Amino acid sequence: MTQVLIVGAGPAGMRAAETLATAGITPVVVDEGARAGGQIYRRPPRGFLRRPEALYGSEASKAIALHQCFDALVTQNRVEYRAQTSVLGLRDGTAHLSGPAGYEQIAFDRLILATGAMDRVVPIAGWQTGGVYPLGAMQIALKAQGVALGQQIVLLGTGPLLTLLAVQLVQSGADVRAVLDTSDLRGQVRGGVAMAAARPWVTLRGLGMRRQLGRRYHAGITPLRIETDEHGPTAVR
């Protein structure tokens, strides 16, 4: 009998599990999170008061449907879900795991890696200063606990996550003072034209988010260093 191991319980891992269960295969899904959802559809603890629309925006209906589908498959024993479990190693058809049950081994003959993506931190002077967090960590705190990491927040980086997180923080009531984008507007326009041709709706949504930031947003920033005083870190550009 085919034994399929899926590493990661984000959208891709959950959809893979659904596809296999529909075909009559019971996969084992391993994930470090306490609840399935990954980073994009990260689920807060039970009893959390923020509504799905506040957590996932326009993706709320998709997130809810996917969560309900996966939970049902687990309840029906059509998917074996190992939460809060890390994969220590994979070798010769054996997965070495560490989780609530301690160390264990699982044999598999098919493997699906759905480990998702992570934000890449480019070091600059002062980046390890207290009060400086990666964008991904800031978003995790916001989604999982409803916490904005800081009273006066400056975001620095580039890419879609920068704008998305800034809007999520603003909508949650956080005091976002500035959003500093290291990419220049000319390059963004060139990329935006190609993206608009391929994904017009996604592009319009992104422009709408950017409009919500207003004067907080600054493009073409060159970060020099991060300095700290009694009030916390300050980005120097």
Protein backbone atom coordinates (compact mmCIF):
# COMPACT_ATOMS: atom_id res chain seq x y z
CA MET A 1 0.00 0.00 0.00
CA THR A 2 1.31 3.44 -0.92
CA GLN A 3 2.37 5.53 2.10
CA VAL A 4 2.53 9.24 1.28
CA LEU A 5 4.19 11.75 3.58
CA ILE A 6 3.36 15.44 3.18
CA VAL A 7 5.66 17.91 4.91
CA GLY A 8 3.81 21.17 5.49
CA ALA A 9 0.15 21.95 6.23
CA GLY A 10 -0.22 25.24 4.41
CA PRO A 11 -2.55 25.69 1.41
CA ALA A 12 -0.44 23.43 -0.85
CA GLY A 13 -0.07 20.68 1.74
CA MET A 14 -3.77 20.72 2.61
CA ARG A 15 -4.81 20.60 -1.06
CA ALA A 16 -2.41 17.72 -1.69
CA ALA A 17 -3.91 15.85 1.26
CA GLU A 18 -7.42 16.50 -0.07
CA THR A 19 -6.49 15.20 -3.53
CA LEU A 20 -4.96 12.03 -2.11
CA ALA A 21 -7.88 11.41 0.25
CA THR A 22 -10.29 11.75 -2.66
CA ALA A 23 -8.29 9.06 -4.47
CA GLY A 24 -8.59 6.73 -1.47
CA ILE A 25 -5.08 7.28 -0.09
CA THR A 26 -4.59 8.27 3.55
CA PRO A 27 -1.53 10.56 3.70
CA VAL A 28 0.44 11.56 6.77
CA VAL A 29 0.72 15.35 7.07
CA VAL A 30 3.49 16.73 9.29
CA ASP A 31 3.62 20.39 10.28
CA GLU A 32 5.33 22.47 12.96
CA GLY A 33 2.27 24.64 13.53
CA ALA A 34 -0.31 24.00 16.22
CA ARG A 35 -3.09 24.21 13.61
CA ALA A 36 -3.09 23.64 9.85
CA GLY A 37 -3.03 26.71 7.64
CA GLY A 38 0.60 27.61 7.07
CA GLN A 39 1.66 31.24 6.93
CA ILE A 40 -0.85 32.55 4.38
CA TYR A 41 -3.87 30.96 6.05
CA ARG A 42 -2.40 30.85 9.55
CA ARG A 43 -5.05 30.15 12.15
CA PRO A 44 -5.09 31.82 15.55
CA PRO A 45 -5.79 29.95 18.79
CA ARG A 46 -9.37 28.87 19.42
CA GLY A 47 -11.43 31.62 21.02
CA PHE A 48 -9.54 34.33 19.13
CA LEU A 49 -11.84 37.31 18.59
CA ARG A 50 -10.72 38.72 15.24
CA ARG A 51 -12.94 37.68 12.35
CA PRO A 52 -11.51 35.78 9.34
CA GLU A 53 -12.06 38.84 7.12
CA ALA A 54 -9.64 40.78 9.31
CA LEU A 55 -7.04 38.01 9.14
CA TYR A 56 -7.23 36.98 5.50
CA GLY A 57 -8.86 39.92 3.74
CA SER A 58 -10.25 38.98 0.33
CA GLU A 59 -8.95 35.43 0.82
CA ALA A 60 -11.22 34.82 3.84
CA SER A 61 -13.76 32.60 2.09
CA LYS A 62 -11.00 30.45 0.54
CA ALA A 63 -9.23 30.11 3.89
CA ILE A 64 -12.39 29.11 5.75
CA ALA A 65 -13.37 26.54 3.12
CA LEU A 66 -9.89 24.99 3.08
CA HIS A 67 -9.70 24.83 6.88
CA GLN A 68 -13.11 23.16 7.09
CA CYS A 69 -12.24 20.64 4.37
CA PHE A 70 -8.95 19.65 5.98
CA ASP A 71 -10.45 19.41 9.48
CA ALA A 72 -13.21 17.17 8.15
CA LEU A 73 -10.70 14.83 6.49
CA VAL A 74 -8.75 14.55 9.75
CA THR A 75 -11.94 13.88 11.75
CA GLN A 76 -12.94 11.18 9.26
CA ASN A 77 -9.47 9.55 9.59
CA ARG A 78 -8.87 10.10 5.88
CA VAL A 79 -5.79 12.20 6.71
CA GLU A 80 -3.34 11.54 9.54
CA TYR A 81 -2.26 14.94 10.83
CA ARG A 82 0.82 15.40 13.03
CA ALA A 83 0.72 18.94 14.43
CA GLN A 84 3.62 20.63 16.25
CA THR A 85 5.96 18.08 14.70
CA SER A 86 9.31 18.77 13.04
CA VAL A 87 11.06 16.67 10.41
CA LEU A 88 14.62 16.14 11.61
CA GLY A 89 15.76 14.18 8.58
CA LEU A 90 14.69 12.13 5.57
CA ARG A 91 16.69 9.11 4.47
CA ASP A 92 16.09 5.81 2.68
CA GLY A 93 12.30 6.13 2.82
CA THR A 94 12.22 6.98 6.52
CA ALA A 95 11.25 10.30 8.11
CA HIS A 96 12.76 11.13 11.49
CA LEU A 97 10.29 13.23 13.47
CA SER A 98 10.20 15.14 16.73
CA GLY A 99 6.86 16.18 18.21
CA PRO A 100 4.51 15.84 21.16
CA ALA A 101 5.08 12.06 21.14
CA GLY A 102 8.85 12.54 21.23
CA TYR A 103 11.19 11.08 18.64
CA GLU A 104 9.69 8.68 16.11
CA GLN A 105 10.22 7.29 12.64
CA ILE A 106 7.71 6.99 9.79
CA ALA A 107 8.29 4.94 6.66
CA PHE A 108 7.11 6.37 3.33
CA ASP A 109 7.44 5.56 -0.35
CA ARG A 110 6.14 8.87 -1.71
CA LEU A 111 7.09 12.31 -0.42
CA ILE A 112 5.50 15.72 -1.01
CA LEU A 113 7.41 18.76 0.26
CA ALA A 114 5.01 21.67 0.77
CA THR A 115 7.24 23.75 2.99
CA GLY A 116 6.15 27.14 1.59
CA ALA A 117 8.30 30.25 1.46
CA MET A 118 9.96 32.55 3.94
CA ASP A 119 11.07 36.15 3.93
CA ARG A 120 14.77 36.70 3.31
CA VAL A 121 16.51 39.16 5.60
CA VAL A 122 19.31 41.19 4.04
CA PRO A 123 21.64 42.21 6.88
CA ILE A 124 22.43 45.89 7.38
CA ALA A 125 24.17 47.56 10.30
CA GLY A 126 21.96 47.28 13.38
CA TRP A 127 19.65 44.60 12.00
CA GLN A 128 20.06 42.49 15.15
CA THR A 129 19.09 45.36 17.44
CA GLY A 130 16.32 44.71 19.95
CA GLY A 131 12.97 45.80 18.53
CA VAL A 132 13.88 44.86 14.93
CA TYR A 133 11.85 41.98 13.49
CA PRO A 134 11.55 40.32 10.07
CA LEU A 135 8.34 41.09 8.21
CA GLY A 136 7.29 37.45 8.47
CA ALA A 137 7.62 37.46 12.26
CA MET A 138 5.57 40.65 12.45
CA GLN A 139 2.81 39.06 10.38
CA ILE A 140 2.82 35.87 12.46
CA ALA A 141 2.35 37.87 15.66
CA LEU A 142 -0.49 39.84 14.06
CA LYS A 143 -2.33 36.78 12.71
CA ALA A 144 -1.70 34.35 15.56
CA GLN A 145 -2.09 36.66 18.54
CA GLY A 146 -3.55 39.93 17.26
CA VAL A 147 -0.39 41.75 18.39
CA ALA A 148 1.44 44.57 16.61
CA LEU A 149 5.12 44.36 17.53
CA GLY A 150 5.67 48.00 18.44
CA GLN A 151 3.80 51.19 19.20
CA GLN A 152 5.33 53.19 16.35
CA ILE A 153 6.21 50.93 13.43
CA VAL A 154 8.46 51.47 10.42
CA LEU A 155 8.55 48.74 7.78
CA LEU A 156 11.58 48.30 5.54
CA GLY A 157 11.98 45.90 2.63
CA THR A 158 10.52 45.14 -0.78
CA GLY A 159 8.10 42.79 -2.48
CA PRO A 160 4.40 42.01 -2.03
CA LEU A 161 4.67 41.12 1.67
CA LEU A 162 5.83 44.65 2.52
CA THR A 163 2.65 46.27 1.20
CA LEU A 164 0.36 43.49 2.43
CA LEU A 165 1.70 43.56 5.99
CA ALA A 166 1.59 47.36 6.10
CA VAL A 167 -2.09 47.37 5.16
CA GLN A 168 -2.89 44.57 7.61
CA LEU A 169 -1.23 46.53 10.41
CA VAL A 170 -3.01 49.76 9.48
CA GLN A 171 -6.37 48.00 9.34
CA SER A 172 -5.73 46.46 12.76
CA GLY A 173 -5.22 49.93 14.24
CA ALA A 174 -1.42 49.85 14.53
CA ASP A 175 0.53 53.10 14.23
CA VAL A 176 2.52 52.57 11.02
CA ARG A 177 4.74 55.63 10.61
CA ALA A 178 6.45 54.74 7.32
CA VAL A 179 6.76 51.99 4.72
CA LEU A 180 10.22 52.08 3.11
CA ASP A 181 10.53 50.17 -0.16
CA THR A 182 14.03 49.53 -1.47
CA SER A 183 12.80 49.06 -5.07
CA ASP A 184 12.37 52.19 -7.21
CA LEU A 185 9.08 53.15 -8.85
CA ARG A 186 10.45 52.77 -12.40
CA GLY A 187 11.30 49.13 -11.81
CA GLN A 188 7.96 48.55 -10.13
CA VAL A 189 6.11 50.00 -13.11
CA ARG A 190 8.00 47.74 -15.53
CA GLY A 191 7.18 44.67 -13.47
CA GLY A 192 3.65 45.87 -12.85
CA VAL A 193 2.83 46.07 -16.55
CA ALA A 194 3.81 42.44 -17.07
CA MET A 195 1.94 41.38 -13.95
CA ALA A 196 -1.18 43.30 -15.00
CA ALA A 197 -1.21 41.40 -18.28
CA ALA A 198 -0.97 38.05 -16.49
CA ARG A 199 -2.91 38.72 -13.28
CA PRO A 200 -5.00 41.90 -13.70
CA TRP A 201 -7.19 41.33 -10.64
CA VAL A 202 -4.23 40.69 -8.35
CA THR A 203 -2.51 43.80 -9.71
CA LEU A 204 -5.58 45.95 -9.02
CA ARG A 205 -5.79 44.64 -5.49
CA GLY A 206 -2.14 45.51 -4.94
CA LEU A 207 -2.65 49.03 -6.25
CA GLY A 208 -5.62 49.42 -3.94
CA MET A 209 -3.49 48.40 -0.96
CA ARG A 210 -0.76 50.81 -1.98
CA ARG A 211 -3.34 53.61 -2.16
CA GLN A 212 -4.41 52.86 1.42
CA LEU A 213 -0.88 53.57 2.63
CA GLY A 214 -0.88 57.08 1.16
CA ARG A 215 2.05 59.21 2.29
CA ARG A 216 3.38 56.48 4.53
CA TYR A 217 4.83 54.76 1.47
CA HIS A 218 8.30 55.73 0.12
CA ALA A 219 9.99 54.01 -2.84
CA GLY A 220 13.63 53.79 -3.91
CA ILE A 221 15.00 53.79 -0.37
CA THR A 222 18.61 52.81 0.29
CA PRO A 223 18.93 51.57 3.89
CA LEU A 224 22.19 52.58 5.56
CA ARG A 225 21.86 51.41 9.15
CA ILE A 226 19.51 51.00 12.08
CA GLU A 227 20.26 53.10 15.14
CA THR A 228 18.84 52.74 18.65
CA ASP A 229 18.09 55.23 21.39
CA GLU A 230 15.91 55.18 24.50
CA HIS A 231 12.81 55.17 22.28
CA GLY A 232 13.83 52.11 20.25
CA PRO A 233 15.33 51.46 16.80
CA THR A 234 15.35 54.05 14.00
CA ALA A 235 15.97 53.29 10.33
CA VAL A 236 18.54 55.59 8.69
CA ARG A 237 18.21 56.06 4.93
